Amino acid sequence: MLELHGVRKSYEGREILARMDLVVPGGKTTVLIGPSGCGKSTLLRLMIGLIEPDEGRVALDGTTFTRESALTLRRRMGYVIQDGGLFPHLTARQNVCIMARYLGWEPDAMESRLAELSELVHFPRDGLKRHPSQLSGGQRQRVSLMRALMLRPSVLLLDEPLGALDPMIRADLQVELQRIFQTLGTTVVLVTHDIAEAGFFGDVIVVLRDGSVVQRGTLDELVSAPADPFITRFIRAQRSPLAALGGSPI
């Protein structure tokens, strides 16, 4: 589904991503994990074409991202940024429908899709008229997810979507997100810093360090056959090691 070949990215002379090859399998959830500054969010922005690699190429279904193709390819992808990124001056409805309205969808088509998404993410219809400041943290994340799914994307990218939530809300939304992923059968790439969350969601876990892939595999493979001592240290440093080894929500 998504392929990165020989991709490298630097900022102001500092290498953020070393030359990297990575294939994201279709219909599965791939989790990117690693310490702060390892390149997770940069990798996600490269995948959706918001930034260009210094070297190498990124492709979706065999079509390479270029300045000419990026806009068309990006519309096939949904993107949930850190903290949701909702526009505070727009209602939840307006946030969700912003791209559909820009693309000229008919009002009936937008209302039908809104109804589908509200049911899918368990968001109350009367909440659509509220502004983000009038919603709880969990509700804002649901609205952000609805916005990302509005155009029926074939790929969903999420950058630490639950990181700012308190533990109880986060645990509930983990279960909800997993149900949504399974219902849609969409290709998902999710960034997290938490190994328990990675084990809960990930069909494939990609561990990054200093802009390079250290290991990819299932959580069991990372625990039982670490490719580098860093993998073991990283897992042991997590606050919920028992949850991580069991693959259950925090």
C-alpha atoms as a PDB file:
ATOM      1  CA  MET A   1       0.000   0.000   0.000  1.00  0.00           C
ATOM      2  CA  LEU A   2       2.633   2.549   1.137  1.00  0.00           C
ATOM      3  CA  GLU A   3       6.290   2.235   0.167  1.00  0.00           C
ATOM      4  CA  LEU A   4       9.362   4.266   1.071  1.00  0.00           C
ATOM      5  CA  HIS A   5      12.524   3.616  -0.916  1.00  0.00           C
ATOM      6  CA  GLY A   6      15.870   5.118   0.106  1.00  0.00           C
ATOM      7  CA  VAL A   7      14.144   7.980   1.917  1.00  0.00           C
ATOM      8  CA  ARG A   8      16.296  10.507   3.784  1.00  0.00           C
ATOM      9  CA  LYS A   9      15.333  13.782   5.459  1.00  0.00           C
ATOM     10  CA  SER A  10      17.399  16.483   7.175  1.00  0.00           C
ATOM     11  CA  TYR A  11      16.610  19.846   8.734  1.00  0.00           C
ATOM     12  CA  GLU A  12      19.250  22.577   9.049  1.00  0.00           C
ATOM     13  CA  GLY A  13      22.023  20.061   8.524  1.00  0.00           C
ATOM     14  CA  ARG A  14      20.676  17.599  11.116  1.00  0.00           C
ATOM     15  CA  GLU A  15      19.677  14.204   9.782  1.00  0.00           C
ATOM     16  CA  ILE A  16      16.161  13.325  11.018  1.00  0.00           C
ATOM     17  CA  LEU A  17      15.696  10.206   8.911  1.00  0.00           C
ATOM     18  CA  ALA A  18      18.589   8.136   7.653  1.00  0.00           C
ATOM     19  CA  ARG A  19      18.270   6.422   4.282  1.00  0.00           C
ATOM     20  CA  MET A  20      15.274   4.177   4.873  1.00  0.00           C
ATOM     21  CA  ASP A  21      13.286   1.476   3.098  1.00  0.00           C
ATOM     22  CA  LEU A  22       9.870   0.642   4.526  1.00  0.00           C
ATOM     23  CA  VAL A  23       6.764  -1.113   3.211  1.00  0.00           C
ATOM     24  CA  VAL A  24       3.396  -0.654   4.930  1.00  0.00           C
ATOM     25  CA  PRO A  25       1.121  -3.636   4.236  1.00  0.00           C
ATOM     26  CA  GLY A  26      -2.419  -2.970   3.054  1.00  0.00           C
ATOM     27  CA  GLY A  27      -5.368  -3.683   5.334  1.00  0.00           C
ATOM     28  CA  LYS A  28      -3.250  -3.915   8.492  1.00  0.00           C
ATOM     29  CA  THR A  29      -2.252  -1.603  11.339  1.00  0.00           C
ATOM     30  CA  THR A  30       1.412  -0.626  11.373  1.00  0.00           C
ATOM     31  CA  VAL A  31       2.645   1.149  14.494  1.00  0.00           C
ATOM     32  CA  LEU A  32       5.677   3.454  14.491  1.00  0.00           C
ATOM     33  CA  ILE A  33       7.296   3.673  17.914  1.00  0.00           C
ATOM     34  CA  GLY A  34      10.491   4.968  19.436  1.00  0.00           C
ATOM     35  CA  PRO A  35      11.883   7.648  21.752  1.00  0.00           C
ATOM     36  CA  SER A  36      11.221  11.349  21.233  1.00  0.00           C
ATOM     37  CA  GLY A  37      13.086  12.780  18.262  1.00  0.00           C
ATOM     38  CA  CYS A  38      13.539   9.448  16.491  1.00  0.00           C
ATOM     39  CA  GLY A  39      11.656  10.607  13.362  1.00  0.00           C
ATOM     40  CA  LYS A  40       8.166   9.126  13.862  1.00  0.00           C
ATOM     41  CA  SER A  41       6.144  12.237  13.035  1.00  0.00           C
ATOM     42  CA  THR A  42       8.500  13.221  10.212  1.00  0.00           C
ATOM     43  CA  LEU A  43       7.986   9.786   8.681  1.00  0.00           C
ATOM     44  CA  LEU A  44       4.214  10.223   8.878  1.00  0.00           C
ATOM     45  CA  ARG A  45       4.370  13.632   7.168  1.00  0.00           C
ATOM     46  CA  LEU A  46       6.491  12.106   4.393  1.00  0.00           C
ATOM     47  CA  MET A  47       3.919   9.354   3.942  1.00  0.00           C
ATOM     48  CA  ILE A  48       1.137  11.850   3.313  1.00  0.00           C
ATOM     49  CA  GLY A  49       3.239  14.141   1.145  1.00  0.00           C
ATOM     50  CA  LEU A  50       3.232  17.178   3.430  1.00  0.00           C
ATOM     51  CA  ILE A  51       7.016  17.309   3.153  1.00  0.00           C
ATOM     52  CA  GLU A  52       9.367  15.968   0.494  1.00  0.00           C
ATOM     53  CA  PRO A  53      12.329  13.657   1.116  1.00  0.00           C
ATOM     54  CA  ASP A  54      15.804  14.961   0.423  1.00  0.00           C
ATOM     55  CA  GLU A  55      16.507  11.645  -1.272  1.00  0.00           C
ATOM     56  CA  GLY A  56      14.441   8.623  -2.246  1.00  0.00           C
ATOM     57  CA  ARG A  57      10.754   8.324  -2.998  1.00  0.00           C
ATOM     58  CA  VAL A  58       7.426   7.662  -1.297  1.00  0.00           C
ATOM     59  CA  ALA A  59       4.673   5.833  -3.196  1.00  0.00           C
ATOM     60  CA  LEU A  60       1.012   4.990  -2.636  1.00  0.00           C
ATOM     61  CA  ASP A  61      -0.218   1.970  -4.602  1.00  0.00           C
ATOM     62  CA  GLY A  62       2.758   2.335  -6.908  1.00  0.00           C
ATOM     63  CA  THR A  63       2.263   6.052  -7.616  1.00  0.00           C
ATOM     64  CA  THR A  64       5.157   8.202  -6.427  1.00  0.00           C
ATOM     65  CA  PHE A  65       4.484  11.380  -4.477  1.00  0.00           C
ATOM     66  CA  THR A  66       5.573  14.401  -6.506  1.00  0.00           C
ATOM     67  CA  ARG A  67       4.539  18.040  -6.364  1.00  0.00           C
ATOM     68  CA  GLU A  68       2.086  17.264  -9.166  1.00  0.00           C
ATOM     69  CA  SER A  69       0.590  14.078  -7.677  1.00  0.00           C
ATOM     70  CA  ALA A  70       0.673  14.925  -3.955  1.00  0.00           C
ATOM     71  CA  LEU A  71      -2.721  16.652  -3.736  1.00  0.00           C
ATOM     72  CA  THR A  72      -4.564  13.843  -5.524  1.00  0.00           C
ATOM     73  CA  LEU A  73      -2.844  11.129  -3.485  1.00  0.00           C
ATOM     74  CA  ARG A  74      -3.387  13.025  -0.223  1.00  0.00           C
ATOM     75  CA  ARG A  75      -7.148  12.977  -0.766  1.00  0.00           C
ATOM     76  CA  ARG A  76      -6.990   9.187  -0.599  1.00  0.00           C
ATOM     77  CA  MET A  77      -5.531   9.408   2.901  1.00  0.00           C
ATOM     78  CA  GLY A  78      -6.920  10.473   6.260  1.00  0.00           C
ATOM     79  CA  TYR A  79      -4.659  12.216   8.765  1.00  0.00           C
ATOM     80  CA  VAL A  80      -5.174  12.797  12.493  1.00  0.00           C
ATOM     81  CA  ILE A  81      -2.469  15.079  13.860  1.00  0.00           C
ATOM     82  CA  GLN A  82      -1.365  15.354  17.486  1.00  0.00           C
ATOM     83  CA  ASP A  83      -4.104  16.851  19.686  1.00  0.00           C
ATOM     84  CA  GLY A  84      -6.623  16.509  16.843  1.00  0.00           C
ATOM     85  CA  GLY A  85      -5.966  19.841  15.148  1.00  0.00           C
ATOM     86  CA  LEU A  86      -9.596  20.970  15.041  1.00  0.00           C
ATOM     87  CA  PHE A  87     -10.306  24.537  13.928  1.00  0.00           C
ATOM     88  CA  PRO A  88     -11.573  26.280  17.074  1.00  0.00           C
ATOM     89  CA  HIS A  89     -13.827  28.759  15.218  1.00  0.00           C
ATOM     90  CA  LEU A  90     -15.712  25.970  13.397  1.00  0.00           C
ATOM     91  CA  THR A  91     -18.356  23.665  14.814  1.00  0.00           C
ATOM     92  CA  ALA A  92     -17.767  19.930  14.916  1.00  0.00           C
ATOM     93  CA  ARG A  93     -19.966  19.550  11.818  1.00  0.00           C
ATOM     94  CA  GLN A  94     -17.995  22.209   9.940  1.00  0.00           C
ATOM     95  CA  ASN A  95     -14.679  20.614  10.949  1.00  0.00           C
ATOM     96  CA  VAL A  96     -15.753  17.194   9.733  1.00  0.00           C
ATOM     97  CA  CYS A  97     -17.199  18.475   6.444  1.00  0.00           C
ATOM     98  CA  ILE A  98     -14.526  21.016   5.547  1.00  0.00           C
ATOM     99  CA  MET A  99     -12.908  18.992   2.730  1.00  0.00           C
ATOM    100  CA  ALA A 100     -16.185  17.563   1.431  1.00  0.00           C
ATOM    101  CA  ARG A 101     -17.559  21.101   1.189  1.00  0.00           C
ATOM    102  CA  TYR A 102     -14.377  22.277  -0.556  1.00  0.00           C
ATOM    103  CA  LEU A 103     -14.734  19.433  -3.073  1.00  0.00           C
ATOM    104  CA  GLY A 104     -18.351  20.352  -3.782  1.00  0.00           C
ATOM    105  CA  TRP A 105     -20.230  17.479  -2.207  1.00  0.00           C
ATOM    106  CA  GLU A 106     -24.010  17.740  -2.299  1.00  0.00           C
ATOM    107  CA  PRO A 107     -25.621  18.543   1.089  1.00  0.00           C
ATOM    108  CA  ASP A 108     -27.491  15.228   1.157  1.00  0.00           C
ATOM    109  CA  ALA A 109     -24.270  13.290   0.570  1.00  0.00           C
ATOM    110  CA  MET A 110     -22.541  15.152   3.410  1.00  0.00           C
ATOM    111  CA  GLU A 111     -25.443  14.521   5.798  1.00  0.00           C
ATOM    112  CA  SER A 112     -25.501  10.830   4.901  1.00  0.00           C
ATOM    113  CA  ARG A 113     -21.769  10.481   5.499  1.00  0.00           C
ATOM    114  CA  LEU A 114     -22.028  12.428   8.770  1.00  0.00           C
ATOM    115  CA  ALA A 115     -24.691  10.027   9.987  1.00  0.00           C
ATOM    116  CA  GLU A 116     -22.514   7.023   9.084  1.00  0.00           C
ATOM    117  CA  LEU A 117     -19.480   8.439  10.857  1.00  0.00           C
ATOM    118  CA  SER A 118     -21.385   9.560  13.956  1.00  0.00           C
ATOM    119  CA  GLU A 119     -22.642   6.012  14.365  1.00  0.00           C
ATOM    120  CA  LEU A 120     -19.234   4.498  13.627  1.00  0.00           C
ATOM    121  CA  VAL A 121     -17.341   6.536  16.241  1.00  0.00           C
ATOM    122  CA  HIS A 122     -20.256   6.789  18.717  1.00  0.00           C
ATOM    123  CA  PHE A 123     -20.432  10.578  18.580  1.00  0.00           C
ATOM    124  CA  PRO A 124     -23.789  12.166  19.535  1.00  0.00           C
ATOM    125  CA  ARG A 125     -25.470  13.946  16.614  1.00  0.00           C
ATOM    126  CA  ASP A 126     -26.429  16.910  18.808  1.00  0.00           C
ATOM    127  CA  GLY A 127     -22.723  17.439  19.506  1.00  0.00           C
ATOM    128  CA  LEU A 128     -22.095  18.359  15.855  1.00  0.00           C
ATOM    129  CA  LYS A 129     -23.341  21.915  16.445  1.00  0.00           C
ATOM    130  CA  ARG A 130     -20.834  22.528  19.243  1.00  0.00           C
ATOM    131  CA  HIS A 131     -17.411  24.122  18.919  1.00  0.00           C
ATOM    132  CA  PRO A 132     -14.271  22.216  20.016  1.00  0.00           C
ATOM    133  CA  SER A 133     -14.062  24.179  23.279  1.00  0.00           C
ATOM    134  CA  GLN A 134     -17.503  22.818  24.190  1.00  0.00           C
ATOM    135  CA  LEU A 135     -16.449  19.183  23.710  1.00  0.00           C
ATOM    136  CA  SER A 136     -14.544  16.819  25.983  1.00  0.00           C
ATOM    137  CA  GLY A 137     -11.084  15.585  25.008  1.00  0.00           C
ATOM    138  CA  GLY A 138     -12.480  12.233  23.941  1.00  0.00           C
ATOM    139  CA  GLN A 139     -15.203  13.883  21.859  1.00  0.00           C
ATOM    140  CA  ARG A 140     -12.652  16.116  20.121  1.00  0.00           C
ATOM    141  CA  GLN A 141     -10.630  13.050  19.153  1.00  0.00           C
ATOM    142  CA  ARG A 142     -13.761  11.410  17.733  1.00  0.00           C
ATOM    143  CA  VAL A 143     -14.461  14.525  15.655  1.00  0.00           C
ATOM    144  CA  SER A 144     -10.863  14.521  14.404  1.00  0.00           C
ATOM    145  CA  LEU A 145     -11.240  10.889  13.391  1.00  0.00           C
ATOM    146  CA  MET A 146     -14.548  11.619  11.630  1.00  0.00           C
ATOM    147  CA  ARG A 147     -12.861  14.416   9.676  1.00  0.00           C
ATOM    148  CA  ALA A 148     -10.032  12.082   8.641  1.00  0.00           C
ATOM    149  CA  LEU A 149     -12.532   9.438   7.490  1.00  0.00           C
ATOM    150  CA  MET A 150     -14.957  11.784   5.711  1.00  0.00           C
ATOM    151  CA  LEU A 151     -13.602  11.188   2.201  1.00  0.00           C
ATOM    152  CA  ARG A 152     -13.491   7.385   2.682  1.00  0.00           C
ATOM    153  CA  PRO A 153      -9.673   7.158   2.599  1.00  0.00           C
ATOM    154  CA  SER A 154      -7.847   3.945   1.796  1.00  0.00           C
ATOM    155  CA  VAL A 155      -5.084   4.844   4.288  1.00  0.00           C
ATOM    156  CA  LEU A 156      -5.463   6.351   7.758  1.00  0.00           C
ATOM    157  CA  LEU A 157      -2.486   8.028   9.462  1.00  0.00           C
ATOM    158  CA  LEU A 158      -2.655   8.907  13.176  1.00  0.00           C
ATOM    159  CA  ASP A 159       0.041  10.816  15.066  1.00  0.00           C
ATOM    160  CA  GLU A 160      -0.248   9.957  18.776  1.00  0.00           C
ATOM    161  CA  PRO A 161      -4.052  10.329  18.630  1.00  0.00           C
ATOM    162  CA  LEU A 162      -4.576   9.436  22.306  1.00  0.00           C
ATOM    163  CA  GLY A 163      -1.454  10.929  23.862  1.00  0.00           C
ATOM    164  CA  ALA A 164      -3.132  13.966  25.476  1.00  0.00           C
ATOM    165  CA  LEU A 165      -6.015  12.077  27.102  1.00  0.00           C
ATOM    166  CA  ASP A 166      -6.288  10.912  30.697  1.00  0.00           C
ATOM    167  CA  PRO A 167      -5.754   7.161  31.241  1.00  0.00           C
ATOM    168  CA  MET A 168      -9.405   6.113  31.609  1.00  0.00           C
ATOM    169  CA  ILE A 169     -10.593   7.970  28.502  1.00  0.00           C
ATOM    170  CA  ARG A 170      -7.534   6.732  26.650  1.00  0.00           C
ATOM    171  CA  ALA A 171      -8.271   3.102  27.521  1.00  0.00           C
ATOM    172  CA  ASP A 172     -11.877   3.441  26.337  1.00  0.00           C
ATOM    173  CA  LEU A 173     -10.824   5.058  23.071  1.00  0.00           C
ATOM    174  CA  GLN A 174      -8.187   2.394  22.445  1.00  0.00           C
ATOM    175  CA  VAL A 175     -10.942  -0.212  22.400  1.00  0.00           C
ATOM    176  CA  GLU A 176     -13.127   2.032  20.213  1.00  0.00           C
ATOM    177  CA  LEU A 177     -10.324   2.686  17.734  1.00  0.00           C
ATOM    178  CA  GLN A 178      -9.499  -0.997  17.442  1.00  0.00           C
ATOM    179  CA  ARG A 179     -13.171  -1.738  16.693  1.00  0.00           C
ATOM    180  CA  ILE A 180     -13.220   0.994  14.036  1.00  0.00           C
ATOM    181  CA  PHE A 181     -10.032  -0.294  12.389  1.00  0.00           C
ATOM    182  CA  GLN A 182     -11.451  -3.818  12.272  1.00  0.00           C
ATOM    183  CA  THR A 183     -14.805  -2.602  10.924  1.00  0.00           C
ATOM    184  CA  LEU A 184     -13.266  -0.538   8.131  1.00  0.00           C
ATOM    185  CA  GLY A 185     -10.428  -2.885   7.177  1.00  0.00           C
ATOM    186  CA  THR A 186      -8.408   0.239   6.308  1.00  0.00           C
ATOM    187  CA  THR A 187      -4.639   0.434   6.109  1.00  0.00           C
ATOM    188  CA  VAL A 188      -3.572   2.229   9.289  1.00  0.00           C
ATOM    189  CA  VAL A 189      -0.259   3.784  10.334  1.00  0.00           C
ATOM    190  CA  LEU A 190      -0.264   4.894  13.962  1.00  0.00           C
ATOM    191  CA  VAL A 191       2.480   6.750  15.842  1.00  0.00           C
ATOM    192  CA  THR A 192       2.829   6.209  19.581  1.00  0.00           C
ATOM    193  CA  HIS A 193       5.545   6.353  22.223  1.00  0.00           C
ATOM    194  CA  ASP A 194       3.889   3.642  24.338  1.00  0.00           C
ATOM    195  CA  ILE A 195       4.803  -0.021  23.794  1.00  0.00           C
ATOM    196  CA  ALA A 196       1.575  -1.261  25.427  1.00  0.00           C
ATOM    197  CA  GLU A 197      -0.466   0.776  22.958  1.00  0.00           C
ATOM    198  CA  ALA A 198       1.723  -0.464  20.110  1.00  0.00           C
ATOM    199  CA  GLY A 199       1.127  -4.062  21.165  1.00  0.00           C
ATOM    200  CA  PHE A 200      -2.613  -3.497  21.462  1.00  0.00           C
ATOM    201  CA  PHE A 201      -3.044  -2.016  17.975  1.00  0.00           C
ATOM    202  CA  GLY A 202      -0.147  -3.249  15.898  1.00  0.00           C
ATOM    203  CA  ASP A 203      -0.186  -6.066  13.384  1.00  0.00           C
ATOM    204  CA  VAL A 204       3.329  -4.815  12.649  1.00  0.00           C
ATOM    205  CA  ILE A 205       5.440  -2.705  15.011  1.00  0.00           C
ATOM    206  CA  VAL A 206       8.316  -0.664  13.591  1.00  0.00           C
ATOM    207  CA  VAL A 207      10.825   0.509  16.225  1.00  0.00           C
ATOM    208  CA  LEU A 208      12.812   3.621  15.308  1.00  0.00           C
ATOM    209  CA  ARG A 209      15.934   5.118  16.831  1.00  0.00           C
ATOM    210  CA  ASP A 210      17.885   8.124  15.546  1.00  0.00           C
ATOM    211  CA  GLY A 211      16.011   8.110  12.248  1.00  0.00           C
ATOM    212  CA  SER A 212      16.593   4.435  11.456  1.00  0.00           C
ATOM    213  CA  VAL A 213      14.531   1.255  11.748  1.00  0.00           C
ATOM    214  CA  VAL A 214      15.953  -0.918  14.506  1.00  0.00           C
ATOM    215  CA  GLN A 215      13.462  -3.768  14.160  1.00  0.00           C
ATOM    216  CA  ARG A 216      10.019  -4.546  12.790  1.00  0.00           C
ATOM    217  CA  GLY A 217       7.731  -7.375  13.834  1.00  0.00           C
ATOM    218  CA  THR A 218       5.034  -8.336  16.315  1.00  0.00           C
ATOM    219  CA  LEU A 219       5.274  -7.450  19.998  1.00  0.00           C
ATOM    220  CA  ASP A 220       6.041 -11.082  20.827  1.00  0.00           C
ATOM    221  CA  GLU A 221       8.941 -11.020  18.360  1.00  0.00           C
ATOM    222  CA  LEU A 222      10.305  -7.802  19.829  1.00  0.00           C
ATOM    223  CA  VAL A 223      10.157  -9.271  23.336  1.00  0.00           C
ATOM    224  CA  SER A 224      11.421 -12.785  22.573  1.00  0.00           C
ATOM    225  CA  ALA A 225      13.937 -12.036  19.805  1.00  0.00           C
ATOM    226  CA  PRO A 226      15.162  -8.430  20.047  1.00  0.00           C
ATOM    227  CA  ALA A 227      17.439  -7.447  17.184  1.00  0.00           C
ATOM    228  CA  ASP A 228      19.368  -4.997  19.360  1.00  0.00           C
ATOM    229  CA  PRO A 229      19.833  -4.450  23.121  1.00  0.00           C
ATOM    230  CA  PHE A 230      18.058  -1.101  22.628  1.00  0.00           C
ATOM    231  CA  ILE A 231      14.783  -2.958  21.997  1.00  0.00           C
ATOM    232  CA  THR A 232      14.929  -4.655  25.389  1.00  0.00           C
ATOM    233  CA  ARG A 233      15.898  -1.427  27.162  1.00  0.00           C
ATOM    234  CA  PHE A 234      13.095   0.463  25.457  1.00  0.00           C
ATOM    235  CA  ILE A 235      10.455  -2.108  26.437  1.00  0.00           C
ATOM    236  CA  ARG A 236      11.695  -2.351  30.024  1.00  0.00           C
ATOM    237  CA  ALA A 237      11.635   1.440  30.367  1.00  0.00           C
ATOM    238  CA  GLN A 238       7.891   1.581  29.728  1.00  0.00           C
ATOM    239  CA  ARG A 239       5.661   2.282  32.687  1.00  0.00           C
ATOM    240  CA  SER A 240       3.338  -0.678  32.004  1.00  0.00           C
ATOM    241  CA  PRO A 241       5.591  -3.645  31.157  1.00  0.00           C
ATOM    242  CA  LEU A 242       3.008  -6.270  32.177  1.00  0.00           C
ATOM    243  CA  ALA A 243       0.394  -4.661  29.935  1.00  0.00           C
ATOM    244  CA  ALA A 244       2.925  -4.498  27.116  1.00  0.00           C
ATOM    245  CA  LEU A 245       3.787  -8.173  27.355  1.00  0.00           C
ATOM    246  CA  GLY A 246       0.109  -9.069  27.469  1.00  0.00           C
ATOM    247  CA  GLY A 247      -0.818  -6.790  24.590  1.00  0.00           C
ATOM    248  CA  SER A 248      -3.797  -5.362  26.456  1.00  0.00           C
ATOM    249  CA  PRO A 249      -4.934  -1.728  26.781  1.00  0.00           C
ATOM    250  CA  ILE A 250      -3.320   0.490  29.371  1.00  0.00           C
END
